[in-house]
Amino acid sequence: MLIADFRQCFKSCLDLRFVGAWLCVFVVLASSAEAQESVCNAPEKSMLNVSLMFGRDVEKIHSVTDEEWNDFMDKELKKRFKGFTVLDGVGYWEGDKELSKHVLISIDARCEASVQMMIDAIVNAYRKRFNQYSVGVVIDHVCVSFCRPRSSCEAEDSPPACLDRPM
């Protein structure tokens, strides 16, 4: 299973430098490139969990400021996704500590084609704006349920709202 493989790989990569960890992540993803959409049991829904990893150091000259990040987030992320989580992180690149932002997005799996186009646009915008060599992208097919207290956890058959945001 992709998630189990990723967790095992991530644990074994914890002692490696940042580059080694990235290589491990991409090997796992490449080996599961033919993974299909998750088959979920009600009330779970097939969803995509998207992780975007943005380094904040620009050619060891300066770091992307909070103001620059917030502007990028407003112009690129908020206009494409209704909801997401942003975490501050610290990674290592070429032996040096680097600040990073990690963005987590969960979205209906039926939106995969449009999500990929949105992610490509975000990655390209970040690389161009902040002169970055790469942005880490991980996409997992998962089963998710959002059960609220005092509500039924019945699967919704509503159509996905994936095309209501610009690419």
Foldseek 3Di string as FASTA:
>chain_A
DLVVQLVVLQVVCPPPAQVSSLVSNVVSCVVCVVPDADDDDPPWAKKKKKKKKFWQDFVVPDGQDPVNVVVLCVVQVVLQDVDKDKDWDWHGDPRDITIMIMIIDIFHPVLVVLVVVSVVVSFVVRCVVRVDPGMDMDMDTDIDWDDDPPDDRGHDPDDGPNPPGDD
